[in-house]
């Protein structure tokens, strides 16, 4: 089913369920969604298991940080 939707979406690469799962949870974290809201959908027993998605989502956060840190009033 995912392969069919990936083809319809014009994706050039394979989208196995696990990759889609990582993409979704990383995207939710980058949108500022709290772990408490993601955790029930993730199937993880605890929120600490979601730390991997926070680390993956750090790239865009770092860019935002770098863009404003020079304005910090110190």
C-alpha atoms as a PDB file:
ATOM      1  CA  UNK A   1       0.000   0.000   0.000  1.00  0.00           C
ATOM      2  CA  UNK A   2       2.816   2.430   0.894  1.00  0.00           C
ATOM      3  CA  UNK A   3       4.618   1.659  -2.355  1.00  0.00           C
ATOM      4  CA  UNK A   4       1.468   2.518  -4.311  1.00  0.00           C
ATOM      5  CA  UNK A   5       1.029   5.838  -2.486  1.00  0.00           C
ATOM      6  CA  UNK A   6       4.736   6.644  -2.838  1.00  0.00           C
ATOM      7  CA  UNK A   7       4.440   6.125  -6.593  1.00  0.00           C
ATOM      8  CA  UNK A   8       1.331   8.319  -6.755  1.00  0.00           C
ATOM      9  CA  UNK A   9       3.140  11.016  -4.762  1.00  0.00           C
ATOM     10  CA  UNK A  10       6.038  10.905  -7.207  1.00  0.00           C
ATOM     11  CA  UNK A  11       8.607   9.748  -4.639  1.00  0.00           C
ATOM     12  CA  UNK A  12      11.757   8.429  -6.262  1.00  0.00           C
ATOM     13  CA  UNK A  13      12.734   6.236  -3.325  1.00  0.00           C
ATOM     14  CA  UNK A  14      11.193   3.415  -1.349  1.00  0.00           C
ATOM     15  CA  UNK A  15       9.055   4.362   1.671  1.00  0.00           C
ATOM     16  CA  UNK A  16       8.990   1.349   3.993  1.00  0.00           C
ATOM     17  CA  UNK A  17       6.668   1.638   7.022  1.00  0.00           C
ATOM     18  CA  UNK A  18       9.522   2.115   9.485  1.00  0.00           C
ATOM     19  CA  UNK A  19      10.975   5.038   7.530  1.00  0.00           C
ATOM     20  CA  UNK A  20       7.542   6.638   7.269  1.00  0.00           C
ATOM     21  CA  UNK A  21       7.111   6.216  11.026  1.00  0.00           C
ATOM     22  CA  UNK A  22      10.433   7.961  11.738  1.00  0.00           C
ATOM     23  CA  UNK A  23       9.590  10.726   9.285  1.00  0.00           C
ATOM     24  CA  UNK A  24       6.173  11.302  10.868  1.00  0.00           C
ATOM     25  CA  UNK A  25       7.389  11.439  14.472  1.00  0.00           C
ATOM     26  CA  UNK A  26      10.378  13.610  13.559  1.00  0.00           C
ATOM     27  CA  UNK A  27       8.081  15.972  11.680  1.00  0.00           C
ATOM     28  CA  UNK A  28       5.656  16.134  14.633  1.00  0.00           C
ATOM     29  CA  UNK A  29       8.564  16.990  16.978  1.00  0.00           C
ATOM     30  CA  UNK A  30       9.777  19.708  14.604  1.00  0.00           C
ATOM     31  CA  UNK A  31       6.262  21.183  14.653  1.00  0.00           C
ATOM     32  CA  UNK A  32       6.507  21.553  18.429  1.00  0.00           C
ATOM     33  CA  UNK A  33       4.139  18.716  19.306  1.00  0.00           C
ATOM     34  CA  UNK A  34       4.767  17.559  22.866  1.00  0.00           C
ATOM     35  CA  UNK A  35       6.058  14.027  23.505  1.00  0.00           C
ATOM     36  CA  UNK A  36       2.996  13.333  25.655  1.00  0.00           C
ATOM     37  CA  UNK A  37       0.822  13.716  22.564  1.00  0.00           C
ATOM     38  CA  UNK A  38       3.101  11.708  20.258  1.00  0.00           C
ATOM     39  CA  UNK A  39       3.775   8.828  22.633  1.00  0.00           C
ATOM     40  CA  UNK A  40       0.372   7.093  22.408  1.00  0.00           C
ATOM     41  CA  UNK A  41       0.654   6.968  18.612  1.00  0.00           C
ATOM     42  CA  UNK A  42       4.257   5.828  18.624  1.00  0.00           C
ATOM     43  CA  UNK A  43       3.642   2.613  20.505  1.00  0.00           C
ATOM     44  CA  UNK A  44       6.611   3.342  22.769  1.00  0.00           C
ATOM     45  CA  UNK A  45       6.121   2.420  26.419  1.00  0.00           C
ATOM     46  CA  UNK A  46       7.583   5.686  27.662  1.00  0.00           C
ATOM     47  CA  UNK A  47       8.263   9.205  26.450  1.00  0.00           C
ATOM     48  CA  UNK A  48      12.004   8.724  26.953  1.00  0.00           C
ATOM     49  CA  UNK A  49      11.922   6.372  23.958  1.00  0.00           C
ATOM     50  CA  UNK A  50      10.961   9.363  21.811  1.00  0.00           C
ATOM     51  CA  UNK A  51      14.320  11.079  22.383  1.00  0.00           C
ATOM     52  CA  UNK A  52      15.598   9.727  19.064  1.00  0.00           C
ATOM     53  CA  UNK A  53      13.090  11.926  17.220  1.00  0.00           C
ATOM     54  CA  UNK A  54      14.202  14.990  19.164  1.00  0.00           C
ATOM     55  CA  UNK A  55      17.811  14.340  18.177  1.00  0.00           C
ATOM     56  CA  UNK A  56      16.877  13.828  14.534  1.00  0.00           C
ATOM     57  CA  UNK A  57      14.808  17.035  14.532  1.00  0.00           C
ATOM     58  CA  UNK A  58      17.663  19.077  16.007  1.00  0.00           C
ATOM     59  CA  UNK A  59      19.026  20.169  12.603  1.00  0.00           C
ATOM     60  CA  UNK A  60      16.238  22.646  11.797  1.00  0.00           C
ATOM     61  CA  UNK A  61      16.172  23.780  15.432  1.00  0.00           C
ATOM     62  CA  UNK A  62      19.903  24.512  15.262  1.00  0.00           C
ATOM     63  CA  UNK A  63      19.394  26.664  12.177  1.00  0.00           C
ATOM     64  CA  UNK A  64      16.692  28.664  13.968  1.00  0.00           C
ATOM     65  CA  UNK A  65      18.915  29.019  17.038  1.00  0.00           C
ATOM     66  CA  UNK A  66      21.854  30.181  14.942  1.00  0.00           C
ATOM     67  CA  UNK A  67      19.628  32.777  13.292  1.00  0.00           C
ATOM     68  CA  UNK A  68      18.675  34.488  16.566  1.00  0.00           C
ATOM     69  CA  UNK A  69      21.442  33.815  19.103  1.00  0.00           C
ATOM     70  CA  UNK A  70      23.374  36.940  18.101  1.00  0.00           C
ATOM     71  CA  UNK A  71      20.385  39.015  19.209  1.00  0.00           C
ATOM     72  CA  UNK A  72      20.466  37.637  22.785  1.00  0.00           C
ATOM     73  CA  UNK A  73      20.713  40.688  25.105  1.00  0.00           C
ATOM     74  CA  UNK A  74      23.800  39.850  27.155  1.00  0.00           C
END
